[in-house]
């Protein structure tokens, strides 16, 4: 076997979860030769920083085995994963680590992941590890308690499922909780239905609207506008952060830390999301995605999906003209004053003014948070796409963004970039009203309580947007 350590080049974007020079990648060429037993000992200690994450490579293996269901459960002393689908081979059960050292391009990735799970579980010093797979006379059980103490024998229980079972003695019973907790936090991108103690998992992003699920030949994923709590209208940065998954399982760093992620710069928008690719290469410690040509192909595929997310966000944003207009009513003004100065006795007035949405202060808070975030995200995206006076041309999604009501008039109605562009053809200076909105003001007058908007300045570079003074 050959082991080499090399620093990856950074050809396109910036990546944070990429391989560093002191970790190393098993490549099959170059480096120095070491014997298999020593290599396994080093590998077991080196990969997957937290040994309680041993279920992750196992779940990658069964997720790519055409399984239709995966069940993960525990007792006081055991952790068990049961799945249907393709069985592990007899050769794997007899020699579980041989494909880790394979230099062949067609090495079975499932067997490598399953062997990695076994090696990692050894570090927890369990009483017994069992792997059962096959059907009929081909059904076998691998039993092991430590590296080098593996035993294989025929097994008959009338089943055809594949099972991983790890058993601890009573002094180690506390070990059974962490593996399930780590796995349940890391498996939300799996295609195969997976159940933890009988309960299924919700896909990431499904509680954030808008979101855009997609599938392409290179990858699948869910894209979202950037986290509202990590973004402020006056911030300026360019990198999107995407959590990365291989074979449906997150690239795991350690419990309590953020999942493995890649930072990348896309020209049209800043996004967040979860990306899953079968061909993601991982470094030797499995804590980062390799920076290779496949990563560039995946990021290019993600970039091609961003227009769909913009379309969905613009369509959702346009559905709320009544909500936007409500911000200019006396009821909304009282509500906002109440939020800023929470004095006793005012809640009854707020509830009275919000009766038309059910008197729900929490609902209004949620909508306001959503509206502010999506509006700012769309404005920021527009400032990147139409920077320097670019126009939408014939592109449907650019046209949708160009005509969306991204701004408000002084009377509480939506104003689009198209409307502002028409004004800039006639005017070199446009006033921004920062005072209390009023129906007596001009319908087309921009309203921005915090003054001129930096996004407009980036799009309409030849127009000066100035704060209006009291008449």
Protein backbone atom coordinates (compact mmCIF):
# COMPACT_ATOMS: atom_id res chain seq x y z
CA UNK A 1 0.00 0.00 0.00
CA UNK A 2 1.12 3.53 -0.68
CA UNK A 3 0.41 6.55 1.45
CA UNK A 4 0.99 10.09 0.27
CA UNK A 5 0.37 13.50 1.78
CA UNK A 6 -0.22 16.43 -0.53
CA UNK A 7 -1.82 19.86 -0.30
CA UNK A 8 -4.67 20.38 -2.74
CA UNK A 9 -4.73 23.31 -5.10
CA UNK A 10 -7.54 25.84 -4.91
CA UNK A 11 -8.60 26.33 -8.53
CA UNK A 12 -12.07 27.85 -8.22
CA UNK A 13 -13.72 28.92 -5.01
CA UNK A 14 -12.58 28.81 -1.41
CA UNK A 15 -13.11 25.63 0.55
CA UNK A 16 -12.88 25.26 4.30
CA UNK A 17 -13.56 21.54 4.54
CA UNK A 18 -10.76 20.47 2.23
CA UNK A 19 -7.77 18.29 2.93
CA UNK A 20 -4.81 19.90 4.68
CA UNK A 21 -1.23 18.87 4.06
CA UNK A 22 -0.74 17.13 7.39
CA UNK A 23 -3.64 14.69 6.98
CA UNK A 24 -3.05 12.68 3.84
CA UNK A 25 -5.03 10.80 1.22
CA UNK A 26 -4.87 7.13 0.27
CA UNK A 27 -4.17 7.30 -3.46
CA UNK A 28 -2.49 4.09 -4.53
CA UNK A 29 0.66 5.78 -5.90
CA UNK A 30 3.66 7.66 -4.55
CA UNK A 31 4.75 7.96 -0.92
CA UNK A 32 6.16 5.17 1.22
CA UNK A 33 5.21 1.53 1.64
CA UNK A 34 4.01 0.16 4.99
CA UNK A 35 2.67 -3.30 5.89
CA UNK A 36 -1.07 -3.92 6.17
CA UNK A 37 -1.27 -4.59 9.92
CA UNK A 38 0.59 -1.40 10.78
CA UNK A 39 -1.50 0.48 8.26
CA UNK A 40 -4.76 -0.68 9.85
CA UNK A 41 -3.62 0.39 13.30
CA UNK A 42 -2.62 3.82 12.00
CA UNK A 43 -5.78 4.14 9.95
CA UNK A 44 -8.04 3.15 12.86
CA UNK A 45 -6.49 5.86 15.04
CA UNK A 46 -6.43 8.47 12.31
CA UNK A 47 -9.82 8.54 10.62
CA UNK A 48 -13.08 9.82 12.10
CA UNK A 49 -11.96 11.98 15.00
CA UNK A 50 -14.86 10.84 17.19
CA UNK A 51 -15.19 7.02 17.32
CA UNK A 52 -18.86 7.41 18.29
CA UNK A 53 -19.42 8.35 14.64
CA UNK A 54 -18.77 4.77 13.48
CA UNK A 55 -22.35 4.47 12.23
CA UNK A 56 -21.79 7.12 9.55
CA UNK A 57 -19.64 5.08 7.14
CA UNK A 58 -21.85 2.06 7.79
CA UNK A 59 -24.94 4.05 6.81
CA UNK A 60 -23.16 5.23 3.66
CA UNK A 61 -22.59 1.59 2.79
CA UNK A 62 -26.21 0.49 3.27
CA UNK A 63 -27.59 3.64 1.62
CA UNK A 64 -25.85 2.59 -1.60
CA UNK A 65 -27.02 -1.04 -1.33
CA UNK A 66 -30.47 -0.52 -2.91
CA UNK A 67 -32.05 -0.84 0.53
CA UNK A 68 -35.70 0.15 0.94
CA UNK A 69 -35.57 0.70 4.71
CA UNK A 70 -32.95 1.16 7.42
CA UNK A 71 -33.72 0.76 11.12
CA UNK A 72 -31.37 2.05 13.81
CA UNK A 73 -32.11 1.16 17.40
CA UNK A 74 -30.46 0.64 20.74
CA UNK A 75 -30.88 -1.16 24.03
CA UNK A 76 -29.02 -0.58 27.27
CA UNK A 77 -26.01 -2.45 25.93
CA UNK A 78 -26.31 -2.56 22.13
CA UNK A 79 -26.54 -0.41 19.02
CA UNK A 80 -28.00 -2.14 15.98
CA UNK A 81 -28.56 -1.24 12.33
CA UNK A 82 -30.77 -3.52 10.21
CA UNK A 83 -31.33 -3.01 6.48
CA UNK A 84 -32.45 -4.90 3.41
CA UNK A 85 -30.88 -4.48 -0.03
CA UNK A 86 -27.72 -5.98 -1.48
CA UNK A 87 -25.79 -8.17 0.97
CA UNK A 88 -22.13 -7.75 1.78
CA UNK A 89 -19.98 -10.29 -0.03
CA UNK A 90 -18.57 -13.45 1.54
CA UNK A 91 -15.09 -12.16 0.70
CA UNK A 92 -15.77 -9.00 2.69
CA UNK A 93 -16.94 -10.96 5.73
CA UNK A 94 -13.83 -13.19 5.55
CA UNK A 95 -11.37 -10.36 4.83
CA UNK A 96 -13.14 -7.10 5.76
CA UNK A 97 -10.17 -4.78 5.25
CA UNK A 98 -8.74 -6.01 1.97
CA UNK A 99 -10.47 -3.42 -0.23
CA UNK A 100 -9.17 -0.55 1.93
CA UNK A 101 -5.78 -1.37 0.40
CA UNK A 102 -7.05 -1.94 -3.13
CA UNK A 103 -5.46 0.11 -5.91
CA UNK A 104 -8.19 -0.89 -8.37
CA UNK A 105 -10.56 1.72 -9.70
CA UNK A 106 -13.48 -0.68 -9.31
CA UNK A 107 -12.95 -1.32 -5.57
CA UNK A 108 -16.36 -1.67 -3.91
CA UNK A 109 -17.03 1.60 -2.10
CA UNK A 110 -19.63 -0.12 0.07
CA UNK A 111 -17.05 -2.54 1.43
CA UNK A 112 -14.58 0.26 2.11
CA UNK A 113 -17.22 2.19 4.07
CA UNK A 114 -18.30 -0.91 6.01
CA UNK A 115 -14.67 -1.70 6.88
CA UNK A 116 -14.17 1.89 8.03
CA UNK A 117 -17.18 1.53 10.36
CA UNK A 118 -15.71 -1.65 11.82
CA UNK A 119 -12.28 -0.08 12.36
CA UNK A 120 -13.82 2.97 14.02
CA UNK A 121 -16.05 0.90 16.31
CA UNK A 122 -12.97 -0.97 17.57
CA UNK A 123 -11.77 2.28 19.16
CA UNK A 124 -14.74 2.17 21.57
CA UNK A 125 -13.52 -1.20 22.93
CA UNK A 126 -16.89 -2.97 22.74
CA UNK A 127 -17.50 -6.42 24.10
CA UNK A 128 -18.56 -7.71 20.68
CA UNK A 129 -19.15 -6.50 17.11
CA UNK A 130 -21.29 -8.58 14.77
CA UNK A 131 -21.87 -8.16 11.04
CA UNK A 132 -24.49 -10.51 9.59
CA UNK A 133 -25.30 -10.58 5.88
CA UNK A 134 -26.42 -12.85 3.05
CA UNK A 135 -29.31 -15.27 2.70
CA UNK A 136 -29.79 -19.01 2.81
CA UNK A 137 -26.57 -20.99 2.73
CA UNK A 138 -24.66 -17.79 1.87
CA UNK A 139 -25.59 -16.12 5.16
CA UNK A 140 -22.53 -15.47 7.32
CA UNK A 141 -21.69 -13.76 10.59
CA UNK A 142 -18.47 -11.88 11.30
CA UNK A 143 -17.81 -11.65 15.06
CA UNK A 144 -15.02 -9.50 16.46
CA UNK A 145 -13.94 -7.86 19.69
CA UNK A 146 -10.76 -6.13 18.52
CA UNK A 147 -8.57 -5.66 15.48
CA UNK A 148 -7.07 -9.03 14.55
CA UNK A 149 -9.67 -10.97 16.53
CA UNK A 150 -12.23 -11.53 13.78
CA UNK A 151 -14.08 -14.82 13.34
CA UNK A 152 -16.40 -15.80 10.48
CA UNK A 153 -18.95 -18.61 10.49
CA UNK A 154 -22.18 -19.60 8.71
CA UNK A 155 -25.29 -18.16 10.34
CA UNK A 156 -28.87 -19.32 10.12
CA UNK A 157 -31.79 -17.22 11.31
CA UNK A 158 -34.07 -17.43 8.26
CA UNK A 159 -33.50 -13.76 7.34
CA UNK A 160 -31.84 -11.99 4.42
CA UNK A 161 -31.20 -8.59 5.99
CA UNK A 162 -27.82 -7.06 6.77
CA UNK A 163 -27.16 -6.26 10.42
CA UNK A 164 -24.45 -4.39 12.30
CA UNK A 165 -24.67 -4.98 16.05
CA UNK A 166 -22.26 -3.52 18.61
CA UNK A 167 -22.50 -4.76 22.20
CA UNK A 168 -20.89 -3.27 25.29
CA UNK A 169 -20.66 -4.68 28.79
CA UNK A 170 -22.67 -3.09 31.58
CA UNK A 171 -19.85 -0.72 32.54
CA UNK A 172 -19.94 0.78 29.04
CA UNK A 173 -23.70 1.09 28.67
CA UNK A 174 -23.52 4.89 28.39
CA UNK A 175 -21.85 4.42 24.98
CA UNK A 176 -25.12 3.54 23.25
CA UNK A 177 -26.56 7.07 23.13
CA UNK A 178 -23.91 9.08 21.29
CA UNK A 179 -23.74 6.96 18.10
CA UNK A 180 -27.49 7.31 17.51
CA UNK A 181 -27.46 11.02 18.28
CA UNK A 182 -24.60 11.66 15.85
CA UNK A 183 -26.16 9.50 13.16
CA UNK A 184 -29.62 11.07 13.40
CA UNK A 185 -28.06 14.53 13.05
CA UNK A 186 -26.05 13.45 10.00
CA UNK A 187 -28.41 11.38 7.83
CA UNK A 188 -31.12 13.78 6.69
CA UNK A 189 -29.99 13.64 3.05
CA UNK A 190 -30.29 9.86 2.75
CA UNK A 191 -32.47 8.58 -0.08
CA UNK A 192 -33.29 5.36 1.74
CA UNK A 193 -35.98 5.83 4.41
CA UNK A 194 -34.21 5.61 7.76
CA UNK A 195 -35.83 5.24 11.18
CA UNK A 196 -34.28 5.87 14.56
CA UNK A 197 -36.15 3.99 17.26
CA UNK A 198 -39.05 3.80 14.80
CA UNK A 199 -39.15 7.52 13.95
CA UNK A 200 -38.30 8.93 10.54
CA UNK A 201 -36.24 12.04 9.80
CA UNK A 202 -37.31 15.29 8.17
CA UNK A 203 -35.23 16.51 5.24
CA UNK A 204 -33.01 19.55 5.95
CA UNK A 205 -34.44 22.88 4.86
CA UNK A 206 -38.07 21.79 4.85
CA UNK A 207 -38.78 24.14 7.75
CA UNK A 208 -37.26 27.09 5.87
CA UNK A 209 -39.20 28.73 3.05
CA UNK A 210 -38.41 29.17 0.25
CA UNK A 211 -36.19 26.18 -0.40
CA UNK A 212 -35.23 24.46 -3.64
CA UNK A 213 -34.65 20.69 -3.75
CA UNK A 214 -32.91 19.44 -6.88
CA UNK A 215 -31.24 16.46 -8.48
CA UNK A 216 -28.60 16.48 -11.20
CA UNK A 217 -26.17 13.91 -12.63
CA UNK A 218 -23.44 15.37 -10.40
CA UNK A 219 -25.28 15.75 -7.10
CA UNK A 220 -28.55 16.34 -5.29
CA UNK A 221 -29.34 18.90 -2.67
CA UNK A 222 -31.53 21.52 -1.06
CA UNK A 223 -30.71 25.22 -1.51
CA UNK A 224 -31.94 28.07 0.68
CA UNK A 225 -31.49 31.83 0.94
CA UNK A 226 -28.76 32.56 3.43
CA UNK A 227 -29.56 32.19 7.14
CA UNK A 228 -31.31 35.41 8.25
CA UNK A 229 -29.44 35.39 11.53
CA UNK A 230 -26.08 35.33 9.77
CA UNK A 231 -26.87 38.20 7.41
CA UNK A 232 -27.42 41.91 7.90
CA UNK A 233 -28.29 44.45 5.20
CA UNK A 234 -25.09 46.36 5.90
CA UNK A 235 -22.80 43.31 5.75
CA UNK A 236 -20.96 42.47 2.57
CA UNK A 237 -19.47 39.10 1.83
CA UNK A 238 -19.47 36.77 -1.13
CA UNK A 239 -19.02 33.19 0.05
CA UNK A 240 -21.86 30.69 0.22
CA UNK A 241 -21.59 27.93 2.83
CA UNK A 242 -22.84 24.48 1.85
CA UNK A 243 -22.93 21.50 4.16
CA UNK A 244 -21.54 18.49 2.33
CA UNK A 245 -22.78 14.90 2.39
CA UNK A 246 -21.50 11.76 0.71
CA UNK A 247 -23.93 8.94 -0.04
CA UNK A 248 -26.57 10.76 2.02
CA UNK A 249 -24.46 11.13 5.17
CA UNK A 250 -22.91 14.39 6.35
CA UNK A 251 -19.16 14.80 6.39
CA UNK A 252 -18.69 14.72 10.15
CA UNK A 253 -16.08 16.63 12.16
CA UNK A 254 -16.99 15.98 15.80
CA UNK A 255 -20.06 16.10 18.01
CA UNK A 256 -21.00 19.65 18.93
CA UNK A 257 -19.15 21.13 15.95
CA UNK A 258 -20.69 22.36 12.71
CA UNK A 259 -20.92 19.70 9.99
CA UNK A 260 -18.26 19.64 7.32
CA UNK A 261 -18.86 22.43 4.86
CA UNK A 262 -17.51 23.98 1.69
CA UNK A 263 -17.36 27.71 1.06
CA UNK A 264 -17.79 28.72 -2.56
CA UNK A 265 -18.38 31.95 -4.44
CA UNK A 266 -21.28 32.03 -6.90
CA UNK A 267 -21.79 35.09 -9.11
CA UNK A 268 -25.56 35.41 -8.73
CA UNK A 269 -26.31 34.99 -5.02
CA UNK A 270 -25.14 33.97 -1.57
CA UNK A 271 -26.86 30.77 -0.52
CA UNK A 272 -26.83 28.07 2.10
CA UNK A 273 -27.79 24.46 1.64
CA UNK A 274 -27.04 20.76 1.83
CA UNK A 275 -25.29 18.99 -1.04
CA UNK A 276 -24.98 15.23 -1.46
CA UNK A 277 -22.73 13.51 -4.00
CA UNK A 278 -21.77 9.85 -4.32
CA UNK A 279 -18.38 10.69 -5.77
CA UNK A 280 -17.21 13.19 -3.17
CA UNK A 281 -13.71 12.15 -2.19
CA UNK A 282 -12.92 12.37 1.53
CA UNK A 283 -9.57 12.88 3.19
CA UNK A 284 -8.07 10.11 5.30
CA UNK A 285 -9.74 11.33 8.49
CA UNK A 286 -13.08 11.66 6.62
CA UNK A 287 -13.57 15.15 8.02
CA UNK A 288 -13.29 17.07 4.74
CA UNK A 289 -14.09 16.83 1.05
CA UNK A 290 -11.13 16.61 -1.30
CA UNK A 291 -10.62 19.62 -3.52
CA UNK A 292 -10.63 17.88 -6.88
CA UNK A 293 -12.25 18.13 -10.29
CA UNK A 294 -15.39 16.43 -9.03
CA UNK A 295 -15.88 19.12 -6.39
CA UNK A 296 -15.67 21.76 -9.13
CA UNK A 297 -18.25 19.85 -11.19
CA UNK A 298 -20.59 19.67 -8.19
CA UNK A 299 -20.28 23.39 -7.46
CA UNK A 300 -20.97 24.18 -11.12
CA UNK A 301 -24.14 22.07 -10.90
CA UNK A 302 -25.19 23.93 -7.74
CA UNK A 303 -24.66 27.26 -9.48
CA UNK A 304 -27.01 26.21 -12.28
CA UNK A 305 -29.79 25.68 -9.71
CA UNK A 306 -29.60 29.14 -8.10
CA UNK A 307 -31.96 30.77 -10.68
CA UNK A 308 -34.70 28.34 -9.59
CA UNK A 309 -34.27 29.39 -5.96
CA UNK A 310 -34.45 33.05 -6.99
CA UNK A 311 -37.65 32.37 -8.96
CA UNK A 312 -39.27 30.67 -5.97
CA UNK A 313 -38.23 33.44 -3.58
CA UNK A 314 -39.44 36.19 -5.91
CA UNK A 315 -42.79 34.45 -6.43
CA UNK A 316 -43.29 33.99 -2.68
CA UNK A 317 -42.26 37.57 -1.97
CA UNK A 318 -44.75 38.92 -4.52
CA UNK A 319 -47.65 37.19 -2.73
CA UNK A 320 -47.47 39.58 0.21
CA UNK A 321 -48.50 43.04 -1.07
CA UNK A 322 -51.25 43.22 1.54
CA UNK A 323 -48.77 42.40 4.28
CA UNK A 324 -46.39 45.05 2.99
CA UNK A 325 -49.15 47.61 2.86
CA UNK A 326 -50.15 46.68 6.41
CA UNK A 327 -46.76 47.91 7.64
CA UNK A 328 -48.00 51.42 6.88
CA UNK A 329 -51.22 51.22 8.89
CA UNK A 330 -51.66 52.70 12.38
CA UNK A 331 -52.00 49.16 13.71
CA UNK A 332 -48.59 48.16 12.42
CA UNK A 333 -47.05 51.35 13.75
CA UNK A 334 -48.42 50.64 17.23
CA UNK A 335 -47.20 47.07 16.97
CA UNK A 336 -43.67 48.11 16.03
CA UNK A 337 -43.63 50.70 18.81
CA UNK A 338 -44.68 47.97 21.20
CA UNK A 339 -41.83 45.75 20.01
CA UNK A 340 -39.34 48.55 20.53
CA UNK A 341 -40.74 49.75 23.84
CA UNK A 342 -42.46 46.84 25.55
CA UNK A 343 -44.57 48.69 28.11
CA UNK A 344 -47.32 46.98 30.14
CA UNK A 345 -50.85 47.60 29.00
CA UNK A 346 -50.15 47.96 25.28
CA UNK A 347 -50.67 44.31 24.33
CA UNK A 348 -54.48 44.70 24.27
CA UNK A 349 -54.15 47.39 21.60
CA UNK A 350 -51.78 45.25 19.55
CA UNK A 351 -54.12 42.28 19.70
CA UNK A 352 -57.04 44.47 18.69
CA UNK A 353 -55.13 45.85 15.71
CA UNK A 354 -53.98 42.38 14.62
CA UNK A 355 -57.40 40.71 14.72
CA UNK A 356 -57.39 40.30 10.93
CA UNK A 357 -54.53 37.79 11.20
CA UNK A 358 -56.01 36.09 14.21
CA UNK A 359 -54.54 38.33 16.87
CA UNK A 360 -51.30 36.37 16.68
CA UNK A 361 -48.32 38.46 17.65
CA UNK A 362 -46.03 35.44 17.09
CA UNK A 363 -47.34 34.94 13.56
CA UNK A 364 -46.63 38.55 12.69
CA UNK A 365 -43.13 38.26 14.12
CA UNK A 366 -42.49 35.19 11.97
CA UNK A 367 -43.78 36.85 8.85
CA UNK A 368 -41.82 40.03 9.46
CA UNK A 369 -38.60 38.06 9.97
CA UNK A 370 -39.25 36.09 6.78
CA UNK A 371 -40.16 39.16 4.73
CA UNK A 372 -37.14 41.18 5.81
CA UNK A 373 -34.72 38.34 5.13
CA UNK A 374 -36.12 37.33 1.74
CA UNK A 375 -36.49 40.92 0.55
CA UNK A 376 -32.90 41.75 1.49
CA UNK A 377 -31.63 38.50 -0.05
CA UNK A 378 -33.45 39.25 -3.32
CA UNK A 379 -32.12 42.82 -3.35
CA UNK A 380 -28.59 41.58 -2.73
CA UNK A 381 -28.93 38.99 -5.51
CA UNK A 382 -30.26 41.65 -7.87
CA UNK A 383 -27.31 43.92 -7.08
CA UNK A 384 -24.97 41.11 -8.18
CA UNK A 385 -26.92 40.12 -11.29
CA UNK A 386 -27.70 43.65 -12.55
CA UNK A 387 -24.52 45.34 -11.28
CA UNK A 388 -23.38 48.32 -13.31
CA UNK A 389 -26.65 48.75 -15.16
CA UNK A 390 -27.05 45.27 -16.64
CA UNK A 391 -30.57 44.46 -17.84
CA UNK A 392 -32.47 41.16 -17.67
CA UNK A 393 -32.55 40.53 -21.41
CA UNK A 394 -34.68 37.57 -22.45
CA UNK A 395 -33.92 35.46 -19.37
CA UNK A 396 -37.23 34.48 -17.67
CA UNK A 397 -35.75 34.26 -14.17
CA UNK A 398 -33.92 37.58 -14.54
CA UNK A 399 -37.14 39.14 -15.81
CA UNK A 400 -38.96 37.79 -12.75
CA UNK A 401 -36.41 39.39 -10.44
CA UNK A 402 -36.44 42.64 -12.45
CA UNK A 403 -40.22 42.99 -12.15
CA UNK A 404 -40.61 41.73 -8.56
CA UNK A 405 -41.79 44.29 -5.94
CA UNK A 406 -38.44 44.44 -4.12
CA UNK A 407 -38.99 47.98 -2.79
CA UNK A 408 -41.87 49.91 -1.27
CA UNK A 409 -43.45 53.17 -2.24
CA UNK A 410 -44.25 55.87 0.28
CA UNK A 411 -47.86 54.69 0.13
CA UNK A 412 -47.03 51.08 0.99
CA UNK A 413 -47.17 49.50 -2.46
CA UNK A 414 -44.51 47.48 -4.24
CA UNK A 415 -41.96 49.07 -6.57
CA UNK A 416 -39.83 47.02 -8.94
CA UNK A 417 -36.37 47.59 -10.36
CA UNK A 418 -38.10 47.94 -13.73
CA UNK A 419 -40.07 50.90 -12.36
CA UNK A 420 -36.94 52.50 -10.90
CA UNK A 421 -35.03 51.94 -14.16
CA UNK A 422 -37.75 53.79 -16.08
CA UNK A 423 -37.31 56.76 -13.73
CA UNK A 424 -33.53 56.75 -14.13
CA UNK A 425 -33.96 57.23 -17.87
CA UNK A 426 -35.55 60.62 -17.14
CA UNK A 427 -33.94 61.60 -13.83
CA UNK A 428 -30.33 61.65 -12.63
CA UNK A 429 -31.39 62.14 -9.01
CA UNK A 430 -34.15 60.25 -7.20
CA UNK A 431 -35.38 61.14 -3.73
CA UNK A 432 -35.88 58.57 -0.98
CA UNK A 433 -38.59 59.27 1.58
CA UNK A 434 -37.50 58.33 5.10
CA UNK A 435 -40.48 59.82 6.94
CA UNK A 436 -43.71 58.22 8.09
CA UNK A 437 -45.53 56.87 5.03
CA UNK A 438 -48.75 58.54 4.06
CA UNK A 439 -51.41 58.15 1.39
CA UNK A 440 -50.87 61.84 0.65
CA UNK A 441 -47.38 61.14 -0.69
CA UNK A 442 -46.56 60.30 -4.29
CA UNK A 443 -47.48 56.75 -5.32
CA UNK A 444 -44.14 56.22 -7.08
CA UNK A 445 -41.95 57.73 -4.38
CA UNK A 446 -39.48 55.31 -2.82
CA UNK A 447 -39.76 54.75 0.91
CA UNK A 448 -36.72 53.61 2.90
CA UNK A 449 -36.69 54.50 6.61
CA UNK A 450 -32.92 54.04 6.87
CA UNK A 451 -31.98 56.18 3.90
CA UNK A 452 -30.44 55.44 0.49
CA UNK A 453 -30.09 51.76 -0.37
CA UNK A 454 -26.63 50.40 -1.23
CA UNK A 455 -28.11 47.76 -3.53
CA UNK A 456 -29.68 50.45 -5.73
CA UNK A 457 -26.38 52.32 -5.80
CA UNK A 458 -24.67 49.23 -7.21
CA UNK A 459 -27.28 48.68 -9.94
CA UNK A 460 -27.97 52.27 -11.02
CA UNK A 461 -24.47 53.69 -10.92
CA UNK A 462 -25.32 56.85 -12.88
CA UNK A 463 -28.23 57.83 -10.62
CA UNK A 464 -27.93 59.57 -7.27
CA UNK A 465 -30.38 58.47 -4.59
CA UNK A 466 -30.76 61.19 -1.98
CA UNK A 467 -32.63 61.47 1.29
CA UNK A 468 -35.65 63.78 1.11
CA UNK A 469 -35.96 66.60 3.64
CA UNK A 470 -39.14 67.90 5.20
CA UNK A 471 -40.97 70.20 2.83
